[in-house]
Structure formats: structure tokens, C-alpha cells
Protein backbone atom coordinates (compact mmCIF):
# COMPACT_ATOMS: atom_id res chain seq x y z
CA MET A 1 8.88 -15.12 26.02
CA LEU A 2 8.27 -11.36 25.72
CA ALA A 3 8.33 -9.57 29.07
CA LEU A 4 5.14 -7.58 29.60
CA GLY A 5 4.68 -4.47 31.65
CA CYS A 6 1.12 -4.83 32.81
CA GLY A 7 0.43 -2.53 35.74
CA ASP A 8 -2.41 -3.93 37.82
CA ASP A 9 -3.54 -6.33 35.08
CA ASP A 10 -2.42 -9.93 35.42
CA ALA A 11 -1.05 -9.94 31.90
CA SER A 12 2.08 -11.95 32.53
CA GLN A 13 0.19 -15.19 32.98
CA SER A 14 0.86 -17.57 30.10
CA HIS A 15 -1.02 -20.73 29.17
CA ASP A 16 -1.38 -22.62 32.44
CA ASP A 17 -3.99 -25.11 31.21
CA ASP A 18 -5.58 -26.39 28.04
CA ALA A 19 -8.33 -23.79 28.02
CA LEU A 20 -8.84 -21.43 25.12
CA GLN A 21 -7.33 -18.18 26.36
CA VAL A 22 -9.51 -15.15 25.59
CA VAL A 23 -8.57 -11.58 26.52
CA ILE A 24 -11.40 -9.19 27.27
CA PRO A 25 -11.26 -5.44 28.03
CA ARG A 26 -13.65 -5.35 30.99
CA ALA A 27 -14.95 -7.68 33.63
CA ALA A 28 -18.46 -9.06 33.51
CA GLU A 29 -20.19 -6.95 36.15
CA GLU A 30 -23.15 -9.33 36.57
CA LEU A 31 -23.85 -12.91 35.45
CA ASP A 32 -27.39 -13.46 36.71
CA PRO A 33 -29.17 -12.93 33.36
CA ARG A 34 -32.16 -11.22 34.97
CA PHE A 35 -29.91 -8.39 36.12
CA VAL A 36 -27.30 -8.17 33.36
CA THR A 37 -26.95 -4.73 31.78
CA ASP A 38 -23.23 -4.63 30.89
CA PRO A 39 -21.90 -5.91 27.52
CA TRP A 40 -19.48 -8.52 28.87
CA GLY A 41 -21.96 -9.72 31.44
CA LEU A 42 -24.36 -10.37 28.57
CA LYS A 43 -21.71 -12.20 26.52
CA VAL A 44 -20.60 -14.46 29.36
CA SER A 45 -24.02 -15.14 30.90
CA ARG A 46 -25.37 -16.36 27.57
CA LEU A 47 -22.69 -19.07 27.57
CA ILE A 48 -23.93 -20.32 30.96
CA PHE A 49 -27.69 -20.04 30.46
CA GLY A 50 -30.03 -21.21 27.72
CA SER A 51 -33.20 -19.51 26.44
CA LEU A 52 -36.32 -20.65 24.65
CA VAL A 53 -35.04 -18.91 21.54
CA THR A 54 -31.76 -17.28 20.61
CA LEU A 55 -30.24 -15.29 17.76
CA ASP A 56 -28.40 -16.89 14.91
CA PRO A 57 -24.98 -15.19 15.20
CA ARG A 58 -24.53 -15.13 11.44
CA THR A 59 -28.00 -14.37 10.02
CA LEU A 60 -29.40 -12.55 13.12
CA ASP A 61 -32.66 -14.49 12.76
CA VAL A 62 -34.54 -15.68 15.84
CA VAL A 63 -33.99 -19.46 16.06
CA PRO A 64 -34.99 -22.17 18.57
CA ASP A 65 -32.72 -22.86 21.52
CA LEU A 66 -34.23 -24.74 24.49
CA ALA A 67 -37.53 -24.68 22.65
CA GLU A 68 -37.95 -27.06 19.76
CA SER A 69 -40.51 -24.63 18.35
CA VAL A 70 -42.48 -21.49 19.24
CA VAL A 71 -45.75 -21.03 17.35
CA GLN A 72 -48.13 -18.08 17.40
CA VAL A 73 -51.62 -19.60 17.46
CA GLY A 74 -53.57 -16.38 17.83
CA PRO A 75 -53.04 -12.60 18.05
CA THR A 76 -52.14 -12.88 21.74
CA GLU A 77 -51.24 -16.57 22.21
CA TYR A 78 -47.94 -18.40 21.71
CA VAL A 79 -47.11 -22.06 22.30
CA ALA A 80 -43.53 -23.08 23.11
CA THR A 81 -42.59 -26.76 22.87
CA LEU A 82 -39.39 -27.71 24.70
CA ARG A 83 -36.77 -30.10 23.36
CA PRO A 84 -37.06 -33.53 24.97
CA ASP A 85 -34.99 -34.47 28.02
CA LEU A 86 -33.52 -31.02 28.73
CA ARG A 87 -31.35 -30.72 31.82
CA PHE A 88 -29.67 -27.98 33.78
CA SER A 89 -25.94 -28.13 34.38
CA ASP A 90 -26.50 -29.82 37.78
CA GLY A 91 -28.32 -32.67 36.01
CA SER A 92 -31.81 -31.69 37.18
CA PRO A 93 -34.60 -31.79 34.54
CA LEU A 94 -35.63 -28.56 32.82
CA THR A 95 -39.40 -28.60 32.35
CA SER A 96 -42.22 -26.27 31.44
CA GLN A 97 -42.62 -25.41 35.13
CA ASP A 98 -39.11 -23.93 35.20
CA VAL A 99 -40.09 -21.79 32.20
CA VAL A 100 -43.30 -20.57 33.85
CA ASP A 101 -41.51 -19.84 37.12
CA THR A 102 -38.71 -17.97 35.32
CA PHE A 103 -41.13 -15.56 33.65
CA GLU A 104 -43.23 -15.15 36.78
CA GLY A 105 -40.08 -14.45 38.76
CA VAL A 106 -38.87 -11.78 36.34
CA VAL A 107 -42.01 -9.68 36.96
CA ASP A 108 -42.07 -10.33 40.71
CA PRO A 109 -41.35 -7.00 42.49
CA GLY A 110 -39.60 -8.99 45.19
CA LEU A 111 -36.92 -10.04 42.71
CA GLY A 112 -36.47 -6.60 41.20
CA SER A 113 -35.30 -7.70 37.75
CA VAL A 114 -34.30 -4.88 35.43
CA TYR A 115 -36.36 -6.58 32.71
CA ALA A 116 -39.64 -6.76 34.62
CA ARG A 117 -41.50 -4.22 32.50
CA ALA A 118 -40.93 -6.13 29.25
CA TYR A 119 -42.74 -9.20 30.60
CA GLN A 120 -45.68 -7.57 32.35
CA ARG A 121 -47.58 -7.97 29.08
CA ILE A 122 -47.90 -11.71 29.80
CA ALA A 123 -51.44 -12.02 31.19
CA ARG A 124 -51.10 -15.67 32.13
CA MET A 125 -49.20 -18.88 31.35
CA GLU A 126 -50.19 -22.53 31.26
CA ALA A 127 -48.05 -25.68 31.35
CA PRO A 128 -50.31 -28.48 30.06
CA SER A 129 -47.36 -30.86 29.92
CA GLU A 130 -43.70 -31.00 30.94
CA THR A 131 -42.65 -29.86 27.47
CA GLU A 132 -45.35 -27.31 26.56
CA VAL A 133 -45.91 -23.73 27.70
CA ARG A 134 -48.76 -21.49 26.54
CA PHE A 135 -48.28 -17.74 26.81
CA HIS A 136 -51.33 -15.43 26.78
CA LEU A 137 -50.55 -11.73 26.29
CA ASP A 138 -52.74 -8.83 27.37
CA ALA A 139 -52.60 -7.39 23.81
CA PRO A 140 -50.87 -8.13 20.49
CA HIS A 141 -47.14 -7.50 20.71
CA ALA A 142 -45.00 -8.18 17.66
CA THR A 143 -41.71 -8.31 19.55
CA PHE A 144 -42.74 -11.10 21.93
CA LEU A 145 -40.86 -13.81 20.05
CA THR A 146 -37.63 -11.87 20.51
CA ASP A 147 -38.52 -11.27 24.16
CA LEU A 148 -38.45 -15.04 24.74
CA GLU A 149 -34.67 -14.82 24.52
CA ILE A 150 -34.35 -14.22 28.27
CA PRO A 151 -32.56 -17.22 29.87
CA ILE A 152 -34.41 -19.90 31.81
CA VAL A 153 -33.45 -20.62 35.43
CA ARG A 154 -34.48 -23.40 37.81
CA SER A 155 -37.79 -22.95 39.62
CA GLU A 156 -35.95 -22.81 42.93
CA ASP A 157 -33.85 -19.86 41.67
CA ALA A 158 -36.69 -17.99 39.98
CA ARG A 159 -37.53 -15.57 42.77
CA SER A 160 -34.13 -14.84 44.25
CA ARG A 161 -30.91 -13.37 43.01
CA MET A 162 -28.30 -16.02 42.28
CA GLN A 163 -25.32 -16.08 44.62
CA GLY A 164 -22.26 -18.26 44.16
CA GLU A 165 -23.00 -21.24 41.93
CA LEU A 166 -24.86 -20.41 38.72
CA ILE A 167 -26.99 -23.27 37.39
CA GLY A 168 -28.04 -22.82 33.78
CA ALA A 169 -28.73 -24.83 30.66
CA GLY A 170 -26.19 -23.28 28.29
CA PRO A 171 -23.10 -24.87 26.76
CA TYR A 172 -20.80 -23.99 29.68
CA VAL A 173 -20.60 -24.18 33.47
CA LEU A 174 -18.98 -21.46 35.57
CA ARG A 175 -16.02 -22.98 37.42
CA SER A 176 -14.43 -19.86 38.91
CA ARG A 177 -14.77 -16.11 38.75
CA SER A 178 -12.75 -13.14 39.97
CA ASP A 179 -12.33 -9.50 38.96
CA ARG A 180 -9.60 -10.62 36.56
CA ARG A 181 -10.70 -13.95 35.15
CA VAL A 182 -13.69 -16.16 34.41
CA ASP A 183 -13.19 -19.89 33.87
CA LEU A 184 -15.83 -21.92 32.02
CA GLU A 185 -16.04 -25.64 31.37
CA ALA A 186 -18.26 -27.64 29.04
CA ASN A 187 -21.70 -28.46 30.43
CA GLU A 188 -22.00 -32.23 30.08
CA HIS A 189 -25.81 -31.93 30.14
CA TRP A 190 -26.08 -29.37 27.32
CA TYR A 191 -28.54 -30.52 24.65
CA GLY A 192 -26.13 -29.37 21.91
CA GLY A 193 -23.48 -31.95 22.79
CA GLU A 194 -19.81 -31.17 23.28
CA PRO A 195 -18.89 -27.51 22.60
CA ILE A 196 -16.13 -26.74 20.09
CA HIS A 197 -13.91 -25.57 22.95
CA ALA A 198 -14.18 -27.67 26.11
CA ARG A 199 -12.69 -25.01 28.39
CA LEU A 200 -12.57 -21.22 28.23
CA ALA A 201 -10.46 -18.80 30.27
CA LEU A 202 -11.56 -15.17 29.86
CA THR A 203 -8.92 -12.87 31.31
CA VAL A 204 -9.58 -9.19 31.93
CA VAL A 205 -6.82 -6.96 30.57
CA ARG A 206 -7.89 -3.34 30.72
CA ASP A 207 -5.06 -1.78 28.77
CA ASP A 208 -5.30 -1.96 24.96
CA ASN A 209 -1.57 -2.36 24.39
CA THR A 210 -1.26 -5.06 27.02
CA ARG A 211 -4.02 -7.11 25.40
CA ALA A 212 -2.11 -6.97 22.11
CA MET A 213 1.13 -7.92 23.86
CA ARG A 214 -0.48 -10.93 25.52
CA LEU A 215 -1.45 -12.25 22.10
CA MET A 216 2.02 -11.67 20.68
CA ALA A 217 3.65 -13.35 23.70
CA GLY A 218 1.60 -16.50 23.25
CA ALA A 219 -0.43 -15.91 26.42
CA ALA A 220 -3.75 -15.55 24.61
CA ASP A 221 -5.50 -17.15 21.66
CA LEU A 222 -8.36 -14.78 20.92
CA ALA A 223 -9.35 -11.13 21.22
CA TYR A 224 -12.88 -10.48 19.97
CA ASP A 225 -14.27 -6.95 19.96
CA ALA A 226 -11.37 -6.17 22.26
CA LEU A 227 -8.64 -4.35 20.30
CA PRO A 228 -8.80 -0.77 19.00
CA PRO A 229 -8.57 -0.42 15.20
CA LEU A 230 -5.08 1.07 15.31
CA LEU A 231 -3.65 -2.10 16.91
CA VAL A 232 -5.29 -4.65 14.61
CA PRO A 233 -2.78 -4.13 11.71
CA LEU A 234 -0.02 -5.47 13.99
CA PHE A 235 -1.48 -8.93 13.46
CA GLU A 236 -2.34 -8.84 9.76
CA ASP A 237 1.12 -9.82 8.57
CA ASP A 238 1.96 -12.06 11.52
CA PRO A 239 1.75 -15.69 10.33
CA ARG A 240 0.75 -16.82 13.82
CA PHE A 241 -2.58 -14.97 13.64
CA GLU A 242 -5.61 -14.37 11.50
CA VAL A 243 -7.74 -11.22 11.54
CA ARG A 244 -11.34 -12.28 10.96
CA THR A 245 -14.24 -9.87 10.51
CA ALA A 246 -18.01 -9.76 10.10
CA PRO A 247 -20.29 -6.81 9.29
CA GLY A 248 -21.19 -4.93 12.45
CA ILE A 249 -24.67 -4.03 13.64
CA SER A 250 -23.99 -1.53 16.45
CA THR A 251 -24.07 2.11 15.41
CA THR A 252 -21.75 4.92 16.45
CA TYR A 253 -23.67 8.19 16.36
CA LEU A 254 -23.71 11.83 17.39
CA GLY A 255 -26.64 12.73 19.64
CA LEU A 256 -28.01 16.31 19.65
CA ASN A 257 -29.91 18.08 22.41
CA LEU A 258 -32.96 19.47 20.60
CA GLU A 259 -33.76 21.79 23.50
CA ALA A 260 -30.33 23.47 23.50
CA PRO A 261 -30.05 26.50 21.16
CA PRO A 262 -28.92 26.62 18.40
CA LEU A 263 -29.58 22.87 18.00
CA ASP A 264 -33.32 23.53 18.20
CA ASP A 265 -32.91 24.91 14.65
CA LEU A 266 -33.07 22.15 12.01
CA ARG A 267 -30.67 24.12 9.80
CA VAL A 268 -27.94 23.79 12.41
CA ARG A 269 -28.56 20.08 12.83
CA GLU A 270 -28.44 19.63 9.05
CA ALA A 271 -25.18 21.59 8.92
CA ILE A 272 -23.63 19.32 11.53
CA ALA A 273 -24.61 16.23 9.53
CA LEU A 274 -23.13 17.73 6.35
CA ALA A 275 -19.90 18.84 8.06
CA ILE A 276 -18.79 15.40 9.26
CA ASP A 277 -16.61 13.54 6.76
CA ARG A 278 -17.55 10.05 7.84
CA GLU A 279 -15.65 8.27 5.05
CA THR A 280 -12.40 9.93 6.12
CA LEU A 281 -13.05 9.15 9.79
CA VAL A 282 -13.68 5.49 8.96
CA ARG A 283 -10.37 5.30 7.08
CA ALA A 284 -8.29 7.29 9.56
CA GLU A 285 -9.76 6.22 12.90
CA LEU A 286 -11.07 2.72 12.15
CA GLU A 287 -8.61 1.45 9.52
CA GLY A 288 -11.54 1.20 7.10
CA ARG A 289 -13.32 -1.44 9.21
CA ALA A 290 -16.79 0.12 9.27
CA GLU A 291 -19.65 0.99 6.96
CA VAL A 292 -21.06 4.51 6.87
CA ALA A 293 -24.55 4.41 8.40
CA THR A 294 -27.77 6.15 7.42
CA SER A 295 -29.86 4.56 10.19
CA TRP A 296 -29.53 2.57 13.38
CA ILE A 297 -31.05 -0.36 11.48
CA PRO A 298 -28.10 -2.16 9.82
CA ARG A 299 -27.93 -2.91 6.11
CA GLY A 300 -29.52 -6.23 5.24
CA HIS A 301 -31.96 -6.14 8.17
CA TRP A 302 -35.59 -6.78 7.18
CA ALA A 303 -36.57 -3.30 8.42
CA ASP A 304 -33.75 -1.38 6.71
CA ALA A 305 -35.21 1.63 4.86
CA GLY A 306 -32.28 1.87 2.41
CA LEU A 307 -31.84 5.61 3.00
CA GLU A 308 -29.39 7.70 0.98
CA ALA A 309 -26.32 8.85 2.88
CA ARG A 310 -25.91 12.60 3.33
CA PRO A 311 -22.90 13.86 1.40
CA PHE A 312 -19.93 15.55 3.00
CA ASP A 313 -20.64 19.16 2.06
CA PRO A 314 -18.85 21.69 4.30
CA ALA A 315 -19.67 24.61 1.98
CA ARG A 316 -23.40 24.04 2.36
CA ALA A 317 -22.92 23.48 6.09
CA ARG A 318 -21.29 26.92 6.41
CA ARG A 319 -24.19 28.54 4.55
CA LEU A 320 -26.74 26.91 6.84
CA ILE A 321 -24.80 28.00 9.94
CA GLU A 322 -24.75 31.57 8.61
CA GLU A 323 -28.48 31.51 7.79
CA ALA A 324 -29.31 30.29 11.28
CA GLY A 325 -27.18 32.99 12.90
CA ALA A 326 -25.18 30.31 14.68
CA LYS A 327 -21.66 31.16 13.52
CA GLY A 328 -19.26 31.13 16.46
CA ARG A 329 -21.74 29.45 18.83
CA ARG A 330 -20.09 27.31 21.48
CA LEU A 331 -21.19 23.67 21.80
CA LEU A 332 -20.21 21.09 24.39
CA LEU A 333 -19.42 17.63 22.98
CA ARG A 334 -19.60 14.87 25.59
CA VAL A 335 -17.67 11.59 25.15
CA ASN A 336 -16.41 8.83 27.41
CA THR A 337 -12.73 8.45 28.28
CA ASP A 338 -11.99 5.63 25.82
CA ARG A 339 -8.95 6.79 23.86
CA ALA A 340 -10.28 5.76 20.47
CA ARG A 341 -13.64 7.50 21.09
CA LEU A 342 -11.87 10.59 22.36
CA SER A 343 -9.76 10.76 19.18
CA ILE A 344 -12.91 10.53 17.05
CA ALA A 345 -14.63 13.23 19.12
CA ARG A 346 -11.71 15.61 18.63
CA ALA A 347 -11.70 14.98 14.87
CA ILE A 348 -15.45 15.73 14.71
CA ALA A 349 -14.94 18.89 16.77
CA ALA A 350 -12.32 20.08 14.26
CA MET A 351 -14.71 19.44 11.35
CA LEU A 352 -17.47 21.42 13.07
CA ARG A 353 -15.12 24.29 13.86
CA ASP A 354 -14.29 24.40 10.15
CA VAL A 355 -17.92 25.27 9.37
CA GLY A 356 -18.26 27.91 12.09
CA LEU A 357 -19.17 26.14 15.33
CA GLU A 358 -16.91 26.33 18.39
CA VAL A 359 -16.90 22.84 19.85
CA VAL A 360 -15.38 21.92 23.21
CA VAL A 361 -14.78 18.22 23.86
CA ARG A 362 -15.38 17.09 27.43
CA PRO A 363 -14.50 13.47 28.29
CA SER A 364 -15.88 11.77 31.39
CA GLU A 365 -16.47 8.30 32.78
CA THR A 366 -19.41 6.57 31.13
CA ALA A 367 -21.65 6.71 34.22
CA THR A 368 -21.09 10.46 34.56
CA GLN A 369 -21.68 10.98 30.86
CA ILE A 370 -24.99 9.10 30.92
CA ALA A 371 -26.17 10.95 34.04
CA ASP A 372 -25.43 14.32 32.44
CA LEU A 373 -27.12 13.33 29.19
CA ASN A 374 -30.22 12.19 31.07
CA ALA A 375 -30.30 15.55 32.83
CA GLY A 376 -29.87 17.46 29.56
CA ARG A 377 -26.40 18.79 30.45
CA PHE A 378 -24.93 18.53 26.95
CA ASP A 379 -25.16 19.88 23.42
CA LEU A 380 -23.61 16.99 21.47
CA ALA A 381 -22.70 13.46 22.55
CA LEU A 382 -20.62 10.82 20.80
CA MET A 383 -22.24 7.48 21.65
CA GLN A 384 -22.68 3.93 20.41
CA VAL A 385 -25.99 2.09 20.45
CA PRO A 386 -25.75 -1.67 21.02
CA GLU A 387 -26.83 -4.12 18.36
CA VAL A 388 -30.30 -3.24 17.04
CA LEU A 389 -31.82 -6.61 16.21
CA GLU A 390 -35.46 -5.89 17.04
CA PRO A 391 -36.39 -2.44 15.62
CA HIS A 392 -38.87 -1.80 18.43
CA VAL A 393 -35.83 -0.89 20.54
CA LEU A 394 -35.93 2.46 18.71
CA SER A 395 -38.87 3.41 20.93
CA TRP A 396 -36.55 3.36 23.96
CA PHE A 397 -34.45 6.08 22.33
CA PHE A 398 -36.98 8.17 20.41
CA ASP A 399 -40.53 7.80 21.78
CA SER A 400 -41.79 10.88 23.64
CA SER A 401 -42.63 8.74 26.67
CA ARG A 402 -38.96 7.74 26.94
CA ILE A 403 -37.54 11.19 27.71
CA PRO A 404 -35.72 10.75 31.06
CA GLU A 405 -37.59 13.45 32.98
CA GLU A 406 -40.36 13.70 35.57
CA GLY A 407 -40.04 10.06 36.56
CA GLN A 408 -40.04 8.68 33.01
CA VAL A 409 -37.43 6.05 32.16
CA GLY A 410 -35.80 5.74 28.76
CA ALA A 411 -32.95 6.97 26.61
CA ASN A 412 -34.63 9.72 24.54
CA ARG A 413 -31.96 12.09 25.80
CA TRP A 414 -32.36 14.27 22.71
CA ARG A 415 -35.81 15.40 23.94
CA LEU A 416 -37.49 14.46 20.66
CA ARG A 417 -41.27 14.99 20.85
CA ASP A 418 -42.97 13.77 17.68
CA PRO A 419 -46.53 12.37 17.88
CA GLU A 420 -46.39 10.95 14.35
CA LEU A 421 -43.18 9.09 15.10
CA ASP A 422 -44.68 7.82 18.38
CA ALA A 423 -47.69 6.49 16.46
CA ALA A 424 -45.47 4.71 13.93
CA LEU A 425 -43.46 3.08 16.71
CA GLU A 426 -46.70 1.84 18.26
CA ARG A 427 -47.85 0.42 14.89
CA GLY A 428 -44.57 -1.45 14.61
CA ARG A 429 -44.94 -2.83 18.11
CA ALA A 430 -48.51 -4.03 17.81
CA ALA A 431 -48.71 -5.30 14.22
CA ALA A 432 -48.48 -9.05 13.73
CA ASP A 433 -47.73 -9.00 9.99
CA ARG A 434 -44.25 -8.19 8.70
CA ALA A 435 -45.45 -5.83 5.93
CA THR A 436 -47.10 -3.44 8.41
CA ARG A 437 -44.03 -3.50 10.62
CA VAL A 438 -41.74 -2.76 7.67
CA GLU A 439 -43.87 0.24 6.70
CA ALA A 440 -43.90 1.54 10.27
CA TYR A 441 -40.17 1.28 10.86
CA ARG A 442 -39.27 2.69 7.47
CA PHE A 443 -41.41 5.73 8.34
CA VAL A 444 -39.54 5.99 11.65
CA GLN A 445 -36.15 5.87 9.95
CA GLN A 446 -37.11 8.49 7.37
CA ARG A 447 -38.47 10.76 10.09
CA LEU A 448 -35.27 10.47 12.13
CA HIS A 449 -33.25 11.07 8.96
CA ASP A 450 -35.22 14.28 8.34
CA GLU A 451 -35.39 15.63 11.91
CA LEU A 452 -31.87 14.63 13.01
CA PRO A 453 -32.12 14.10 16.75
CA VAL A 454 -29.07 11.92 16.13
CA VAL A 455 -26.59 11.70 13.27
CA PRO A 456 -25.74 8.03 12.52
CA LEU A 457 -22.04 7.80 11.69
CA TRP A 458 -21.07 4.19 11.02
CA GLN A 459 -21.45 0.55 11.95
CA GLU A 460 -18.08 -0.88 12.93
CA SER A 461 -17.10 -4.33 11.77
CA LYS A 462 -16.83 -7.08 14.34
CA VAL A 463 -13.13 -7.92 14.48
CA ALA A 464 -11.42 -10.94 16.01
CA VAL A 465 -7.67 -11.52 16.23
CA VAL A 466 -7.36 -15.30 16.40
CA ARG A 467 -4.34 -17.55 16.78
CA ARG A 468 -4.07 -19.45 13.51
CA GLY A 469 -5.84 -22.79 13.61
CA VAL A 470 -8.21 -21.85 16.45
CA PRO A 471 -11.85 -22.43 15.46
CA PHE A 472 -13.84 -19.20 15.83
CA ASP A 473 -16.45 -17.89 13.42
CA VAL A 474 -16.92 -14.16 14.05
CA PRO A 475 -20.51 -13.55 15.21
CA ARG A 476 -22.38 -10.48 13.97
CA ASP A 477 -24.47 -10.22 17.11
CA GLY A 478 -21.54 -9.31 19.36
CA ARG A 479 -21.88 -12.36 21.58
CA LEU A 480 -19.68 -15.44 21.99
CA SER A 481 -21.97 -18.30 21.00
CA THR A 482 -19.68 -19.42 18.16
CA LEU A 483 -17.15 -20.52 20.79
CA ALA A 484 -19.55 -23.40 21.46
CA ARG A 485 -20.86 -24.23 17.98
């Protein structure tokens, strides 16, 4: 057994049970699905709770989960029919009343769910039978089917925050939880039957090298989305492991403050886009495991505009910097303290210096970085947007009403103000037919491509290091549902 130096991480623990051992880089901060905002909280909570619909982890299509079907019967009316004989993990029946109470609870100010605003468009609900729910919206809303993905809780839990035991209708039951480990066991009442893995142990190991060492020492079976690209090659020639990948759908990008001179000049923004050699960065920083991006909408998505990638053209970038009178201007590039991200930020800074811009890289903790971006205290920011499955999420980042100022909430930190883009986002939200939505979101992507409030860099592949023989199909959606089926 390899001895591991692990600091404050409990990395020396080997297999102490028959659970599938999974190493994760951060703890799940929250598991009540109505309050989850962190990535690992989302991953773990969706193993405990079931939703009316879910996402197919391979095709990214919306598919039934607790609902047998969801049918739109009018511009503002949807009918969800539940699977027969559904039960929560405590054995109690899951009926249409639980569904109604869940959605009413989410918008209840007394609960304070972070997702309340998204469900205020439900004007009323009816439960004509134990297996049928009718949703009536206050106006057409094309994204409502995707919105039904929020997990269902028991009626008795609907208006209070869950403490201690978490009762859901997903494939697993929470058996224990600490800052360092989450233990899950198969839910005997899950409609899907017996999960592929009956028991899961998710151990938090914060250090990249220690996670890799746990795998090599036989103390872990799986690391998904949890190893930096530079460590993955260690396992490619090791017969004990397989490196499995799937095309990624989260986009790494460079955000630009449009109100900070000289970035208010389109020529400077164009120069920045031309100066970044994304192909080289993908090879050098990501071991080739990414696809250069032209949009936040991933290739193969129904709304993908199929835009042409900007070429790497430092000579033209220098000319544009000269024309704009921006040569020698100092720019502050914000990035979090993740070592891989910091390395990428420094490489981008060097490329921008090569075309005449003086770039200073300033790392900070993620919370500090976000607060400064919201306040406009930045020039450039290296960021990653989570998986864009429903293109309406673009409104959160680019609609004028989403600039985080004067009491507005949103992530339009670039201060983009574009009435035509706002109108296209609204068309995409309200239209019921796919053709109109495609037109709207392709306009949005082209506009963003032209105006450059952000420079999309790449979409990283989803990578799993798996002990050979362990069943695990790498999901594109970044979640862990393929551990169950």
C-alpha cells in the first residue's frame, strides 16, 4: 500500500466497505434541492431526489422521471401524469399533492428558496387525481418543461428547510454526511429498481495530487470531473484504470468589462479575441481534452448557430490595438485560485502582452472574485459557465435587466446593454415552436460573437478515471445519474 501524505484530507482511508469509492474535490455545501447552488451539491442531491422530468445524461434531451409524461395542452397549460405507485424513500406514497405542495413551497416567501422567481409564473395548479397535475402559467413560457426538473419533496417538507434526514424519491438514500464524506445507499422504493451500484461513498479530497494518489493506492474507484488535465495521463497507461471521456458542455470564457476603457472600444475587444491561441492552450493546458468554442451553446445542441471560429491572428490584433490607441494600456485579469485556471490566465496574459496590452493577473477566492465582478472591479475575467442545456439561461448573463446594479440580480457583469439582443432573448423565452426559438437564439449568438462581451474559449471534455471493470458511463451533463443506471 502506498503511503499518502494528505494534510487535513482523510486520504489514507482505504476500502472499508463494499461501496463504490468516489473521490470528489469539494464538499456538497447544500443537499436540500430548493437551496442548492454549488456544483457538488447539485450532483449529490439529484441522486437523493427525483423530479417530474430529468435530463438524459447522454443526449441532453428532457426525458420523464417521476412523471410518466408531460404534455402541453395549450399555450399556458401543461399536464403531468405521474408513474403509478411512486414512493418516497421512507415508503410513503408520492402523489400529485406532493407535487403541488412542492411548487407552492418553492415560491413561498417563508421558505426563501433561491429558485422562487423561476416558478412565480405558475398562476395555479390542479390535482384532479393522485397521478395528475395541471399547471396553468400566467403567460407562454417555452422553458417551462425544463423548469419541471426541480426535485419533488413530501408535502410535510414543502414549506420548511430540510434538517437531518433527507426524504426523496431518487435512486439513493443519504445514510451519513460529514465535511469529508457522503455515504449513499440504494433506495429500495425507487421506481427504477436496483441501481447499478448499491452503495456509494463520496470522499472529499481537496488536493489534486492526493486524489490521484488515492486512486493509485487502491483507495478509490472513480474520479469524475475531479482531476486536472495534467494528472490524467498518469492513468492512461496503467492497466488498472480506464480514462473515459464525453464531449463537454460547459464553456470556459474570458469576460470583458464593456464600461472599462479601452474595452469599451470594439477594436480592442476584437484584438483580444484574435490574440488568444486557443488551440495551443487546449493542447498545452488541457492535454487536448477540449473543443474550441464559438458560443456558449455546445456543438450538437438544437440551438447551436454553427458560428465560424475566429482565427489566431496576432498581427491583426496588434494593428487593432494601435488603431485604438490602446498600446501599453494596463488591464486587470481576475481569476480564481485554482492552479489550472491560474496557469491558463497567465498564458493568456502573455499572449495579450505580445500584442501590446499590459495584463496583470490577480487571483482570489471565488466568492471575492464574483463580488468584485458584480461591482465592476475588473477589466478581464477568466470564468467558466456551467452546462448550458436550456438556451434561455443566456438571459441571466446578457440581458440588460440582469446587470448586477441598483438592486437588479443577474450575471451580466460585462454591462452589456443591447435592446435588440434583449428582444431576441424574450422571443426565445416566449415562443412555443422550436423554429422561432432557433431563430431567436441564433441571432443572440451572432450578436454576442460580433459585440464580444465575452470571448468563448473552449468546452472541456468530461473526463472520468475509472478502475477497470467498474460500470460508469461518462455523462455529458456533469451530474452522476449514470452511477444508478
